[in-house]
Amino acid sequence: MSTVIPLSSIGVAEQPVETYIPAPQEFYRQGGPALDSFKRRINYLRISLTDRCNFRCLYCMPEHGAHFAPRSELLTDDELVRVVRAAASVGFEKIRLTGGEPTLRRNIVEIVRGIGATPGIREISMTTNALRLAEMAGPLREAGLTRVNISIDSLNPEKFRQMTRGGDFARVWAGIEAAERVGFNPLKLNAVVVRGLNDDEVADIARLTVDRPWQLRFIEMMPLAGVGDLAEQSVVPTREIIARLEQVYGPLEYIGWFGSDPARTYRLPGAQGTLGFISSITEPFCSTCNRMRLTADGKLHLCLLRDNELDLRAALRNGASDEDLSALIRQAVWLKPWGHGLPEGVKPTLRGMSELGG
């Protein structure tokens, strides 16, 4: 007996699950890696553990009126691990835990441990604001977390508080030090550059890599729901950031652009660490995209800057088997769009960054 699973926003009507797989046989076969219709192998799942956050970063959430899903609508720990198991069965190998702020999720250490025990998963990383990381870095590392990306958009405590709408820079820095101390290497730091706020700090932020083997990434602001108007006015193109850095440090050393990594990597002269530039707006990297996103309320989001989703929570709660889930994930991968569509005027309206985790 087939299971009927509701699909939302992807133009596929409800129908028996065995008819969901229209991909040609050469691209779809049971047991092989999940490929989309453009022959990209999709093996990286970013999981939002919660849509809540203890910051209100201006490029991520509106100051007022943010909507948060009731707890009953969020995936349970067991449901989440089931999705990971199904994803791993079709070739997903890398998991990144995001939010909102993932350290706010109850039982996050146990969730990490459960994901780490899933056959086929070889890497579990996390993006965090590090506010709670000083006390959590050790337990997370012991549970199997392999890497952390930490957001730090300013080194000025007052400006940091302004950009995060209340963030405590000292506690975040303590979290960064704790992450390095327990062995999260390479340590990655993210800075979203916003014109008129922190674009004057890029040289100071980049200087963090001179004496430390850290990987610092400058990210162009993205026009997600709730912050679209600000993003249109405030994007600082990568080429402008590089020009500012070279005015201070001289020519940057180009290291490379590696596979599906969205960052083009450079180094300041003589620096121990590296600089990465993620240019989603001005230099899209859609051709090498290998990722999909699972929202905290159980929707498989096919592209960060599009609204297309598939409802896995409904599948889970309507009796889908592990085989059904695997087939649905394969279908979602096949339907993944080529790119974000911003040059054609496509604008995401469904979810903000705090719901998708970047």
Protein backbone atom coordinates (compact mmCIF):
# COMPACT_ATOMS: atom_id res chain seq x y z
CA MET A 1 0.00 0.00 0.00
CA SER A 2 1.46 3.35 -1.03
CA THR A 3 1.79 6.29 1.30
CA VAL A 4 0.35 9.62 0.17
CA ILE A 5 2.70 12.45 1.09
CA PRO A 6 1.74 16.14 0.64
CA LEU A 7 4.20 18.21 -1.35
CA SER A 8 4.08 21.99 -1.06
CA SER A 9 5.25 24.77 -3.35
CA ILE A 10 7.04 22.61 -5.91
CA GLY A 11 4.30 22.11 -8.44
CA VAL A 12 3.80 18.40 -7.75
CA ALA A 13 0.33 17.20 -6.86
CA GLU A 14 -0.31 14.73 -4.08
CA GLN A 15 -0.02 11.19 -5.43
CA PRO A 16 1.27 7.76 -4.37
CA VAL A 17 4.90 7.92 -3.38
CA GLU A 18 6.01 5.35 -5.97
CA THR A 19 5.10 7.79 -8.75
CA TYR A 20 7.18 10.62 -7.30
CA ILE A 21 10.40 9.68 -9.08
CA PRO A 22 10.35 10.93 -12.68
CA ALA A 23 14.12 11.12 -13.18
CA PRO A 24 15.62 9.13 -16.08
CA GLN A 25 16.97 5.75 -15.06
CA GLU A 26 20.57 6.76 -15.69
CA PHE A 27 20.27 9.46 -13.02
CA TYR A 28 18.02 7.66 -10.56
CA ARG A 29 18.70 4.20 -9.27
CA GLN A 30 18.15 2.75 -5.86
CA GLY A 31 21.34 2.82 -3.83
CA GLY A 32 23.20 5.39 -5.91
CA PRO A 33 24.01 8.96 -4.86
CA ALA A 34 21.27 11.58 -5.16
CA LEU A 35 21.73 13.65 -8.31
CA ASP A 36 19.65 16.60 -9.41
CA SER A 37 18.45 17.12 -12.98
CA PHE A 38 21.65 19.08 -13.73
CA LYS A 39 23.81 16.10 -12.67
CA ARG A 40 25.06 17.83 -9.52
CA ARG A 41 25.64 15.42 -6.65
CA ILE A 42 23.77 16.71 -3.58
CA ASN A 43 25.41 15.42 -0.42
CA TYR A 44 25.25 18.26 2.13
CA LEU A 45 22.24 18.92 4.37
CA ARG A 46 21.96 22.04 6.51
CA ILE A 47 19.52 21.44 9.37
CA SER A 48 17.83 24.27 11.24
CA LEU A 49 17.32 23.00 14.80
CA THR A 50 15.21 25.98 15.85
CA ASP A 51 13.90 29.20 14.32
CA ARG A 52 14.60 31.04 17.58
CA CYS A 53 17.72 33.03 18.36
CA ASN A 54 19.19 34.97 21.28
CA PHE A 55 20.32 37.68 18.83
CA ARG A 56 18.28 39.76 16.40
CA CYS A 57 20.94 40.44 13.76
CA LEU A 58 19.68 43.13 11.43
CA TYR A 59 20.63 41.21 8.27
CA CYS A 60 18.83 38.10 9.52
CA MET A 61 15.64 39.02 11.39
CA PRO A 62 13.30 42.01 11.52
CA GLU A 63 13.49 43.89 14.80
CA HIS A 64 9.78 43.31 15.45
CA GLY A 65 7.13 40.93 14.18
CA ALA A 66 9.22 37.80 13.66
CA HIS A 67 7.12 34.64 13.54
CA PHE A 68 8.23 31.55 15.47
CA ALA A 69 6.71 28.13 14.96
CA PRO A 70 4.96 26.49 17.94
CA ARG A 71 7.02 23.73 19.49
CA SER A 72 4.51 21.13 18.27
CA GLU A 73 5.33 22.07 14.67
CA LEU A 74 9.06 21.49 15.06
CA LEU A 75 10.59 18.14 14.27
CA THR A 76 11.20 16.05 17.36
CA ASP A 77 14.68 14.69 18.05
CA ASP A 78 13.65 11.25 16.80
CA GLU A 79 12.05 12.68 13.64
CA LEU A 80 15.14 14.70 12.92
CA VAL A 81 17.44 11.69 13.23
CA ARG A 82 15.10 9.68 10.98
CA VAL A 83 15.41 12.33 8.27
CA VAL A 84 19.19 12.26 8.61
CA ARG A 85 19.15 8.48 8.29
CA ALA A 86 17.03 8.69 5.14
CA ALA A 87 19.25 11.41 3.70
CA ALA A 88 22.36 9.37 4.39
CA SER A 89 20.79 6.41 2.60
CA VAL A 90 20.70 8.42 -0.65
CA GLY A 91 24.23 9.76 -0.35
CA PHE A 92 24.17 12.77 1.98
CA GLU A 93 27.46 12.77 3.90
CA LYS A 94 27.79 16.20 5.50
CA ILE A 95 25.47 17.74 8.07
CA ARG A 96 25.55 21.33 9.31
CA LEU A 97 23.44 22.29 12.31
CA THR A 98 22.06 25.81 12.17
CA GLY A 99 19.15 27.84 13.46
CA GLY A 100 18.17 30.45 14.45
CA GLU A 101 20.76 29.67 17.06
CA PRO A 102 21.31 25.89 17.29
CA THR A 103 22.67 25.93 20.84
CA LEU A 104 19.19 26.96 22.02
CA ARG A 105 17.83 23.58 20.98
CA ARG A 106 17.18 21.26 23.89
CA ASN A 107 19.21 18.06 23.78
CA ILE A 108 21.57 19.39 21.14
CA VAL A 109 24.43 17.28 22.50
CA GLU A 110 22.29 14.13 22.22
CA ILE A 111 21.18 15.17 18.71
CA VAL A 112 24.81 15.50 17.64
CA ARG A 113 25.56 12.09 19.10
CA GLY A 114 22.60 10.54 17.28
CA ILE A 115 23.56 12.06 13.95
CA GLY A 116 27.17 10.97 14.46
CA ALA A 117 26.03 7.38 14.89
CA THR A 118 24.28 7.41 11.50
CA PRO A 119 26.05 5.24 8.91
CA GLY A 120 27.30 7.32 6.01
CA ILE A 121 27.58 10.65 7.85
CA ARG A 122 31.24 11.65 7.88
CA GLU A 123 31.07 15.28 9.06
CA ILE A 124 28.87 17.23 11.49
CA SER A 125 29.48 20.96 11.75
CA MET A 126 27.56 23.83 13.30
CA THR A 127 27.04 27.52 12.62
CA THR A 128 26.60 29.46 15.86
CA ASN A 129 26.75 32.96 17.30
CA ALA A 130 28.93 31.45 20.08
CA LEU A 131 27.08 33.19 22.90
CA ARG A 132 26.72 29.84 24.73
CA LEU A 133 29.75 28.14 23.23
CA ALA A 134 32.15 28.74 26.13
CA GLU A 135 30.26 26.19 28.22
CA MET A 136 29.09 23.95 25.37
CA ALA A 137 32.18 23.55 23.17
CA GLY A 138 33.60 20.63 25.17
CA PRO A 139 30.41 18.52 25.34
CA LEU A 140 29.65 19.13 21.67
CA ARG A 141 33.16 18.14 20.65
CA GLU A 142 32.95 14.99 22.76
CA ALA A 143 29.57 14.11 21.20
CA GLY A 144 31.06 14.14 17.70
CA LEU A 145 30.78 17.70 16.37
CA THR A 146 33.72 18.17 14.01
CA ARG A 147 33.69 21.87 13.13
CA VAL A 148 32.12 25.21 14.02
CA ASN A 149 31.50 28.39 12.03
CA ILE A 150 31.11 31.42 14.29
CA SER A 151 29.47 34.67 13.25
CA ILE A 152 31.38 37.79 14.20
CA ASP A 153 30.47 40.91 12.23
CA SER A 154 32.35 43.53 14.25
CA LEU A 155 35.25 43.70 16.69
CA ASN A 156 33.85 46.86 18.25
CA PRO A 157 31.67 45.79 21.23
CA GLU A 158 29.21 48.65 20.80
CA LYS A 159 28.86 48.18 17.06
CA PHE A 160 28.56 44.43 17.61
CA ARG A 161 25.72 45.09 20.04
CA GLN A 162 24.07 47.36 17.46
CA MET A 163 24.32 44.86 14.61
CA THR A 164 23.11 41.94 16.72
CA ARG A 165 20.57 44.06 18.61
CA GLY A 166 21.94 43.20 22.01
CA GLY A 167 24.78 40.71 21.56
CA ASP A 168 27.57 40.48 24.14
CA PHE A 169 30.92 40.60 22.31
CA ALA A 170 32.91 39.44 25.34
CA ARG A 171 30.86 36.24 25.68
CA VAL A 172 31.12 35.55 21.95
CA TRP A 173 34.90 35.99 22.05
CA ALA A 174 35.07 33.61 25.01
CA GLY A 175 33.14 31.12 22.89
CA ILE A 176 35.63 31.51 20.05
CA GLU A 177 38.52 30.87 22.42
CA ALA A 178 36.77 27.81 23.87
CA ALA A 179 36.15 26.41 20.38
CA GLU A 180 39.83 26.70 19.55
CA ARG A 181 40.87 25.27 22.91
CA VAL A 182 38.83 22.07 22.55
CA GLY A 183 40.16 21.42 19.05
CA PHE A 184 37.61 22.68 16.54
CA ASN A 185 40.04 23.08 13.69
CA PRO A 186 40.03 24.70 11.29
CA LEU A 187 38.15 27.39 13.16
CA LYS A 188 35.95 29.37 10.78
CA LEU A 189 34.59 32.86 11.39
CA ASN A 190 31.85 34.50 9.30
CA ALA A 191 31.33 38.22 8.80
CA VAL A 192 28.37 39.57 6.85
CA VAL A 193 29.41 42.93 5.44
CA VAL A 194 26.73 45.63 5.56
CA ARG A 195 27.31 48.99 3.94
CA GLY A 196 27.36 51.85 6.40
CA LEU A 197 27.70 49.59 9.43
CA ASN A 198 30.78 47.37 9.37
CA ASP A 199 32.26 47.82 5.90
CA ASP A 200 34.80 50.19 7.44
CA GLU A 201 36.04 47.31 9.64
CA VAL A 202 36.95 44.74 6.99
CA ALA A 203 40.71 45.38 7.30
CA ASP A 204 40.59 45.02 11.10
CA ILE A 205 38.51 41.85 10.91
CA ALA A 206 40.81 40.37 8.26
CA ARG A 207 43.78 41.05 10.55
CA LEU A 208 42.53 38.22 12.80
CA THR A 209 44.08 35.80 10.30
CA VAL A 210 47.58 37.28 10.44
CA ASP A 211 48.73 35.54 13.64
CA ARG A 212 46.09 32.80 13.85
CA PRO A 213 45.41 29.84 11.55
CA TRP A 214 41.74 30.80 11.32
CA GLN A 215 39.55 30.85 8.23
CA LEU A 216 37.66 34.13 8.02
CA ARG A 217 34.85 34.47 5.50
CA PHE A 218 33.32 37.70 4.27
CA ILE A 219 29.73 37.16 3.11
CA GLU A 220 27.60 39.37 0.90
CA MET A 221 24.27 40.21 2.53
CA MET A 222 21.36 38.25 1.03
CA PRO A 223 17.80 39.52 0.41
CA LEU A 224 15.80 36.96 2.38
CA ALA A 225 12.31 37.55 3.73
CA GLY A 226 12.14 40.29 6.36
CA VAL A 227 15.38 42.03 5.38
CA GLY A 228 15.05 42.31 1.60
CA ASP A 229 14.84 46.09 1.46
CA LEU A 230 17.89 46.53 3.66
CA ALA A 231 19.83 43.99 1.59
CA GLU A 232 19.11 45.77 -1.68
CA GLN A 233 20.62 48.96 -0.26
CA SER A 234 23.45 47.45 1.75
CA VAL A 235 25.26 44.76 -0.27
CA VAL A 236 29.01 45.37 -0.39
CA PRO A 237 30.37 43.44 -3.40
CA THR A 238 33.31 41.12 -2.87
CA ARG A 239 35.42 43.05 -5.37
CA GLU A 240 34.98 46.18 -3.22
CA ILE A 241 35.98 44.32 -0.05
CA ILE A 242 39.10 42.95 -1.74
CA ALA A 243 40.00 46.42 -3.01
CA ARG A 244 39.74 47.83 0.51
CA LEU A 245 41.94 45.05 1.89
CA GLU A 246 44.57 45.54 -0.80
CA GLN A 247 44.74 49.25 -0.02
CA VAL A 248 45.90 48.27 3.46
CA TYR A 249 47.83 45.03 2.95
CA GLY A 250 48.86 45.01 -0.69
CA PRO A 251 47.90 42.29 -3.20
CA LEU A 252 46.16 39.26 -1.70
CA GLU A 253 47.49 35.81 -2.50
CA TYR A 254 44.86 33.79 -4.38
CA ILE A 255 44.74 30.24 -3.08
CA GLY A 256 41.83 28.73 -4.96
CA TRP A 257 38.19 27.84 -5.21
CA PHE A 258 37.71 24.26 -4.13
CA GLY A 259 34.92 22.06 -5.41
CA SER A 260 31.56 22.85 -3.85
CA ASP A 261 32.97 25.26 -1.25
CA PRO A 262 31.18 28.57 -1.88
CA ALA A 263 34.19 30.63 -0.77
CA ARG A 264 36.96 31.81 -3.05
CA THR A 265 40.03 31.63 -0.83
CA TYR A 266 42.83 34.19 -0.44
CA ARG A 267 45.57 35.01 2.07
CA LEU A 268 46.95 38.27 3.42
CA PRO A 269 50.69 38.58 2.80
CA GLY A 270 52.50 36.41 5.37
CA ALA A 271 49.32 35.46 7.24
CA GLN A 272 48.84 32.13 9.02
CA GLY A 273 45.12 31.97 8.27
CA THR A 274 43.03 32.50 5.16
CA LEU A 275 40.27 34.75 3.87
CA GLY A 276 37.23 33.45 2.02
CA PHE A 277 34.75 35.48 0.00
CA ILE A 278 31.19 34.19 -0.41
CA SER A 279 29.68 36.24 -3.22
CA SER A 280 26.13 34.91 -3.49
CA ILE A 281 24.87 38.10 -5.10
CA THR A 282 27.65 39.35 -7.38
CA GLU A 283 29.42 36.08 -8.25
CA PRO A 284 26.94 33.20 -7.77
CA PHE A 285 28.30 29.68 -7.33
CA CYS A 286 25.11 27.79 -8.23
CA SER A 287 26.90 25.52 -10.71
CA THR A 288 28.77 23.80 -7.87
CA CYS A 289 25.98 23.80 -5.28
CA ASN A 290 25.77 20.51 -3.38
CA ARG A 291 23.39 21.43 -0.56
CA MET A 292 19.81 21.46 0.61
CA ARG A 293 18.21 22.70 3.80
CA LEU A 294 15.85 21.21 6.35
CA THR A 295 13.83 23.77 8.28
CA ALA A 296 13.10 23.33 11.96
CA ASP A 297 9.45 22.63 11.11
CA GLY A 298 10.39 19.82 8.77
CA LYS A 299 10.36 21.30 5.27
CA LEU A 300 13.07 20.34 2.82
CA HIS A 301 14.04 23.69 1.29
CA LEU A 302 15.49 23.22 -2.19
CA CYS A 303 17.44 26.49 -2.63
CA LEU A 304 18.30 29.16 -0.07
CA LEU A 305 17.00 32.06 -2.17
CA ARG A 306 13.87 30.39 -3.54
CA ASP A 307 10.64 29.39 -1.83
CA ASN A 308 10.41 25.79 -3.11
CA GLU A 309 9.86 23.25 -0.33
CA LEU A 310 8.82 19.66 0.29
CA ASP A 311 6.99 18.74 3.50
CA LEU A 312 8.84 15.94 5.27
CA ARG A 313 7.11 16.56 8.60
CA ALA A 314 3.78 15.62 7.07
CA ALA A 315 5.34 12.49 5.63
CA LEU A 316 6.78 11.51 9.01
CA ARG A 317 3.51 12.10 10.84
CA ASN A 318 1.41 10.31 8.23
CA GLY A 319 3.23 7.02 8.55
CA ALA A 320 5.93 7.25 5.90
CA SER A 321 8.46 4.42 6.00
CA ASP A 322 12.20 5.00 5.82
CA GLU A 323 11.99 3.95 2.15
CA ASP A 324 9.27 6.55 1.54
CA LEU A 325 11.43 9.26 3.12
CA SER A 326 14.41 8.26 1.03
CA ALA A 327 12.29 8.41 -2.14
CA LEU A 328 10.93 11.83 -1.21
CA ILE A 329 14.42 13.19 -0.60
CA ARG A 330 15.54 11.84 -3.98
CA GLN A 331 12.56 13.54 -5.59
CA ALA A 332 13.37 16.84 -3.89
CA VAL A 333 16.98 16.61 -5.04
CA TRP A 334 15.85 16.00 -8.61
CA LEU A 335 13.58 19.08 -8.45
CA LYS A 336 16.32 21.35 -7.08
CA PRO A 337 16.47 24.48 -9.27
CA TRP A 338 19.62 25.49 -11.11
CA GLY A 339 20.15 28.75 -9.25
CA HIS A 340 18.67 31.41 -7.03
CA GLY A 341 17.16 33.50 -9.83
CA LEU A 342 18.01 36.92 -8.40
CA PRO A 343 19.18 38.28 -11.78
CA GLU A 344 15.75 37.35 -13.18
CA GLY A 345 13.95 39.17 -10.37
CA VAL A 346 13.12 36.14 -8.22
CA LYS A 347 12.77 37.22 -4.59
CA PRO A 348 12.26 34.86 -1.65
CA THR A 349 9.20 35.74 0.42
CA LEU A 350 8.48 32.61 2.44
CA ARG A 351 11.24 32.42 5.04
CA GLY A 352 13.91 34.54 6.65
CA MET A 353 17.48 33.59 7.39
CA SER A 354 16.65 32.64 10.98
CA GLU A 355 14.35 29.91 9.66
CA LEU A 356 16.81 28.57 7.08
CA GLY A 357 20.16 28.86 8.79
CA GLY A 358 22.02 30.28 5.79
